[in-house]
Amino acid sequence: MCAVPKKIVDNCIRAAAESGLKVILVEPGMLSVSRLLHYTESGELPTVIVDIGSSTDVAIVDGTLKVTGGLPVGGNTLTRDISESMNVTVEKARQLKVLSGLSAGPNQRQIVAALEPDLNKIVSEIKKII
């Protein structure tokens, strides 16, 4: 079960209608990912879904959606971490995050060091949810 303020749902439906779309179903993103996994994978193994956007959403799927959770740590936080740690602009930090990520390269060590504390927070919270 999940809850979203009615005003948010109404705004999304109104935006879709103004774009000429007819809304048939409204569901949380994690539920739709869970449903997609059910139909595209064998669904035999428990699965942890982690969606890092502006915040981080976590879902545990074991046949059906079992539990969801959220963290206030997300992409903007990670960008800021890189910016502050490497002493670069936020735009440059975003580019480093998107183009380099945690892949091997000349900036890998610095990026990993910058992101490690918040990534550890995410992992810690996932372990609590599990």
Protein backbone atom coordinates (compact mmCIF):
# COMPACT_ATOMS: atom_id res chain seq x y z
CA MET A 1 0.00 0.00 0.00
CA CYS A 2 1.17 3.51 -0.68
CA ALA A 3 -0.17 7.00 -0.30
CA VAL A 4 0.39 10.21 -2.22
CA PRO A 5 -1.25 13.55 -1.53
CA LYS A 6 -4.36 13.91 -3.73
CA LYS A 7 -3.17 17.32 -4.92
CA ILE A 8 -0.04 15.75 -6.49
CA VAL A 9 -2.07 13.07 -8.24
CA ASP A 10 -4.63 15.61 -9.46
CA ASN A 11 -1.85 17.86 -10.83
CA CYS A 12 -0.31 14.94 -12.75
CA ILE A 13 -3.67 13.90 -14.18
CA ARG A 14 -4.44 17.50 -15.17
CA ALA A 15 -1.04 17.86 -16.90
CA ALA A 16 -1.64 14.65 -18.84
CA ALA A 17 -5.14 15.80 -19.87
CA GLU A 18 -3.80 19.18 -21.00
CA SER A 19 -1.30 17.28 -23.16
CA GLY A 20 -4.13 15.38 -24.82
CA LEU A 21 -3.56 12.13 -22.93
CA LYS A 22 -6.23 10.03 -21.23
CA VAL A 23 -5.12 8.68 -17.84
CA ILE A 24 -6.19 5.09 -17.32
CA LEU A 25 -4.10 4.16 -14.29
CA VAL A 26 -1.99 5.97 -11.70
CA GLU A 27 0.52 3.95 -9.71
CA PRO A 28 3.77 4.61 -7.85
CA GLY A 29 6.95 4.19 -9.88
CA MET A 30 8.27 1.34 -7.75
CA LEU A 31 5.03 -0.60 -8.16
CA SER A 32 5.24 -0.28 -11.92
CA VAL A 33 8.89 -1.45 -11.89
CA SER A 34 7.87 -4.39 -9.70
CA ARG A 35 5.09 -5.30 -12.12
CA LEU A 36 7.47 -5.01 -15.06
CA LEU A 37 9.97 -7.35 -13.41
CA HIS A 38 7.21 -9.85 -12.75
CA TYR A 39 6.33 -9.99 -16.44
CA THR A 40 9.84 -9.82 -17.90
CA GLU A 41 11.86 -11.96 -15.49
CA SER A 42 11.19 -15.38 -14.05
CA GLY A 43 10.31 -13.73 -10.72
CA GLU A 44 11.82 -16.60 -8.74
CA LEU A 45 14.47 -14.67 -6.83
CA PRO A 46 13.91 -11.91 -4.29
CA THR A 47 14.99 -8.62 -5.85
CA VAL A 48 16.06 -5.27 -4.42
CA ILE A 49 15.27 -2.31 -6.68
CA VAL A 50 17.16 0.91 -6.00
CA ASP A 51 16.14 4.02 -7.95
CA ILE A 52 18.49 6.94 -7.35
CA GLY A 53 16.83 10.09 -8.64
CA SER A 54 16.43 13.37 -6.79
CA SER A 55 15.92 11.07 -3.80
CA THR A 56 16.46 7.32 -3.51
CA ASP A 57 13.58 4.85 -3.63
CA VAL A 58 14.02 1.23 -2.57
CA ALA A 59 11.68 -1.70 -3.13
CA ILE A 60 11.90 -5.35 -2.18
CA VAL A 61 10.15 -7.70 -4.60
CA ASP A 62 9.66 -11.39 -3.84
CA GLY A 63 6.91 -12.56 -6.15
CA THR A 64 5.04 -9.36 -5.29
CA LEU A 65 6.07 -5.99 -3.96
CA LYS A 66 6.88 -6.66 -0.29
CA VAL A 67 8.16 -3.35 1.06
CA THR A 68 9.22 0.08 -0.15
CA GLY A 69 11.23 2.85 1.42
CA GLY A 70 12.79 6.15 0.54
CA LEU A 71 15.83 8.20 1.44
CA PRO A 72 16.46 11.92 1.11
CA VAL A 73 19.87 11.16 -0.45
CA GLY A 74 19.83 11.28 -4.25
CA GLY A 75 21.46 12.50 -7.40
CA ASN A 76 21.63 16.14 -6.34
CA THR A 77 23.28 15.14 -3.08
CA LEU A 78 25.86 13.07 -4.96
CA THR A 79 26.53 15.93 -7.37
CA ARG A 80 27.07 18.31 -4.45
CA ASP A 81 29.43 15.80 -2.81
CA ILE A 82 31.58 15.69 -5.95
CA SER A 83 31.49 19.47 -6.33
CA GLU A 84 32.62 20.11 -2.76
CA SER A 85 35.18 17.31 -2.61
CA MET A 86 36.82 18.06 -5.95
CA ASN A 87 36.38 21.85 -5.71
CA VAL A 88 34.58 22.10 -9.05
CA THR A 89 31.35 23.80 -10.11
CA VAL A 90 28.08 21.94 -9.67
CA GLU A 91 27.75 21.68 -13.47
CA LYS A 92 31.23 20.15 -13.78
CA ALA A 93 30.42 17.78 -10.90
CA ARG A 94 27.21 16.70 -12.66
CA GLN A 95 29.19 16.03 -15.85
CA LEU A 96 31.74 13.97 -13.91
CA LYS A 97 28.97 12.00 -12.23
CA VAL A 98 27.11 11.30 -15.46
CA LEU A 99 30.07 10.72 -17.78
CA SER A 100 32.50 9.01 -15.40
CA GLY A 101 30.37 7.62 -12.60
CA LEU A 102 32.33 5.02 -10.69
CA SER A 103 34.02 3.68 -13.84
CA ALA A 104 37.76 3.40 -14.09
CA GLY A 105 39.35 6.60 -15.29
CA PRO A 106 41.51 9.54 -14.27
CA ASN A 107 38.95 10.90 -11.78
CA GLN A 108 37.71 7.61 -10.36
CA ARG A 109 39.56 7.73 -7.04
CA GLN A 110 38.37 11.27 -6.27
CA ILE A 111 34.79 10.58 -7.34
CA VAL A 112 34.59 7.39 -5.28
CA ALA A 113 36.02 9.18 -2.24
CA ALA A 114 33.47 11.98 -2.65
CA LEU A 115 30.50 9.63 -3.04
CA GLU A 116 31.44 6.93 -0.57
CA PRO A 117 29.84 8.46 2.58
CA ASP A 118 26.42 8.97 0.96
CA LEU A 119 26.56 5.67 -0.94
CA ASN A 120 27.30 3.97 2.39
CA LYS A 121 24.20 5.68 3.84
CA ILE A 122 22.12 4.27 0.99
CA VAL A 123 23.52 0.77 1.49
CA SER A 124 22.97 1.00 5.26
CA GLU A 125 19.31 1.97 4.78
CA ILE A 126 18.80 -0.81 2.22
CA LYS A 127 20.13 -3.32 4.77
CA LYS A 128 17.63 -1.97 7.34
CA ILE A 129 14.77 -2.40 4.86
CA ILE A 130 15.83 -5.93 3.98
